[in-house]
Protein backbone atom coordinates (compact mmCIF):
# COMPACT_ATOMS: atom_id res chain seq x y z
CA MET A 1 2.30 -3.57 -3.58
CA SER A 2 -0.68 -2.03 -1.88
CA ILE A 3 -3.43 -0.28 -3.79
CA THR A 4 -3.58 3.50 -3.55
CA ALA A 5 -6.84 5.46 -3.83
CA THR A 6 -6.06 8.95 -5.14
CA PHE A 7 -8.62 11.69 -4.59
CA ILE A 8 -9.85 13.15 -7.91
CA LYS A 9 -12.78 15.42 -7.04
CA ASP A 10 -15.88 15.93 -4.92
CA LEU A 11 -19.16 15.02 -6.62
CA ASP A 12 -22.57 16.68 -6.74
CA GLY A 13 -25.93 14.93 -6.79
CA PHE A 14 -25.38 12.53 -3.90
CA ASN A 15 -26.99 12.42 -0.47
CA GLY A 16 -24.19 13.53 1.84
CA HIS A 17 -20.53 13.90 0.82
CA ALA A 18 -19.31 11.89 -2.18
CA SER A 19 -15.93 11.91 -3.90
CA LEU A 20 -14.31 10.19 -6.85
CA TYR A 21 -11.04 8.28 -6.36
CA LYS A 22 -8.73 6.61 -8.88
CA LEU A 23 -7.16 3.33 -7.83
CA SER A 24 -3.55 2.50 -8.64
CA GLU A 25 -4.74 -0.79 -10.13
CA PRO A 26 -8.17 -2.20 -11.01
CA VAL A 27 -10.06 -4.15 -8.33
CA GLY A 28 -12.92 -6.59 -8.63
CA TYR A 29 -16.44 -5.77 -7.46
CA GLY A 30 -19.59 -7.77 -6.93
CA TRP A 31 -19.90 -11.00 -5.00
CA ASP A 32 -16.32 -12.35 -4.91
CA GLY A 33 -15.31 -9.75 -7.53
CA ASP A 34 -17.31 -11.58 -10.20
CA LYS A 35 -19.09 -8.56 -11.79
CA GLY A 36 -16.00 -6.94 -13.22
CA LYS A 37 -13.09 -4.68 -12.34
CA THR A 38 -12.96 -0.97 -11.75
CA GLU A 39 -10.16 1.56 -11.68
CA TYR A 40 -12.39 4.29 -10.21
CA VAL A 41 -14.60 4.33 -7.13
CA VAL A 42 -17.07 6.72 -5.55
CA VAL A 43 -16.99 6.94 -1.77
CA SER A 44 -20.22 8.32 -0.32
CA ALA A 45 -20.71 9.30 3.33
CA ALA A 46 -24.29 10.11 4.33
CA ASN A 47 -26.68 10.21 7.25
CA VAL A 48 -29.57 8.09 5.98
CA LEU A 49 -33.05 8.29 7.46
CA PHE A 50 -33.81 5.24 9.65
CA SER A 51 -30.37 3.64 9.22
CA GLY A 52 -28.03 6.43 10.38
CA ASN A 53 -24.49 7.17 9.25
CA GLU A 54 -22.97 5.07 6.49
CA THR A 55 -19.98 5.30 4.20
CA TYR A 56 -20.15 3.16 1.09
CA ILE A 57 -17.77 2.49 -1.79
CA PHE A 58 -19.16 1.94 -5.29
CA PRO A 59 -17.46 1.12 -8.60
CA ALA A 60 -17.55 4.02 -11.05
CA ASN A 61 -16.17 5.41 -14.28
CA GLU A 62 -13.71 8.29 -14.67
CA LYS A 63 -16.57 10.82 -14.61
CA GLY A 64 -17.92 9.60 -11.27
CA ASN A 65 -20.94 7.72 -12.64
CA VAL A 66 -21.63 4.70 -10.43
CA SER A 67 -21.64 1.45 -12.44
CA ASP A 68 -23.10 -0.80 -9.70
CA TRP A 69 -24.96 0.28 -6.55
CA ALA A 70 -23.98 -2.82 -4.52
CA GLU A 71 -21.47 -1.58 -1.95
CA MET A 72 -17.89 -2.77 -2.23
CA ALA A 73 -15.63 -4.17 0.47
CA GLY A 74 -14.57 -1.44 2.89
CA SER A 75 -18.06 0.06 3.10
CA TYR A 76 -19.39 0.41 6.63
CA ARG A 77 -22.20 1.75 8.82
CA GLY A 78 -21.82 3.91 11.89
CA GLY A 79 -19.48 6.58 10.55
CA LEU A 80 -18.90 9.20 7.88
CA SER A 81 -15.22 8.82 6.98
CA HIS A 82 -13.98 8.30 3.44
CA GLU A 83 -10.54 7.55 4.85
CA GLU A 84 -11.88 4.81 7.15
CA ALA A 85 -13.75 3.14 4.27
CA ILE A 86 -10.63 3.24 2.08
CA ILE A 87 -8.51 1.77 4.89
CA ASN A 88 -11.21 -0.90 5.49
CA ALA A 89 -10.89 -1.84 1.82
CA GLY A 90 -7.16 -2.37 2.37
CA TRP A 91 -6.12 0.65 0.32
CA THR A 92 -3.99 3.70 1.08
CA LEU A 93 -5.51 7.17 0.67
CA HIS A 94 -3.52 9.66 -1.42
CA PHE A 95 -4.09 13.28 -2.41
CA SER A 96 -2.12 14.17 -5.54
CA ASN A 97 -0.37 17.53 -5.90
CA GLU A 98 -2.67 18.25 -8.87
CA ASN A 99 -5.71 18.10 -6.60
CA ALA A 100 -4.27 20.00 -3.64
CA ALA A 101 -6.03 23.23 -2.84
């Protein structure tokens, strides 16, 4: 079964556009997944001075607080797409009916 990343909400306080996603099952983070597992991730897309566009995935809690600032697999430079980062991680993006506008 593939992992699904379900959009929960957009977040304030980040450079650029950041959102909280809930994963259908916990995934490991850190070098080789050795720092722990997370069921929530923050995806942040920003244009950063001197390095340009980047979209990074970070482990988080259910409130959107990042638990480790080392980017997770799927993170990339050169673009600003949450969907692309989620696909790069090997996950499927999902918007629940609860969160539909």
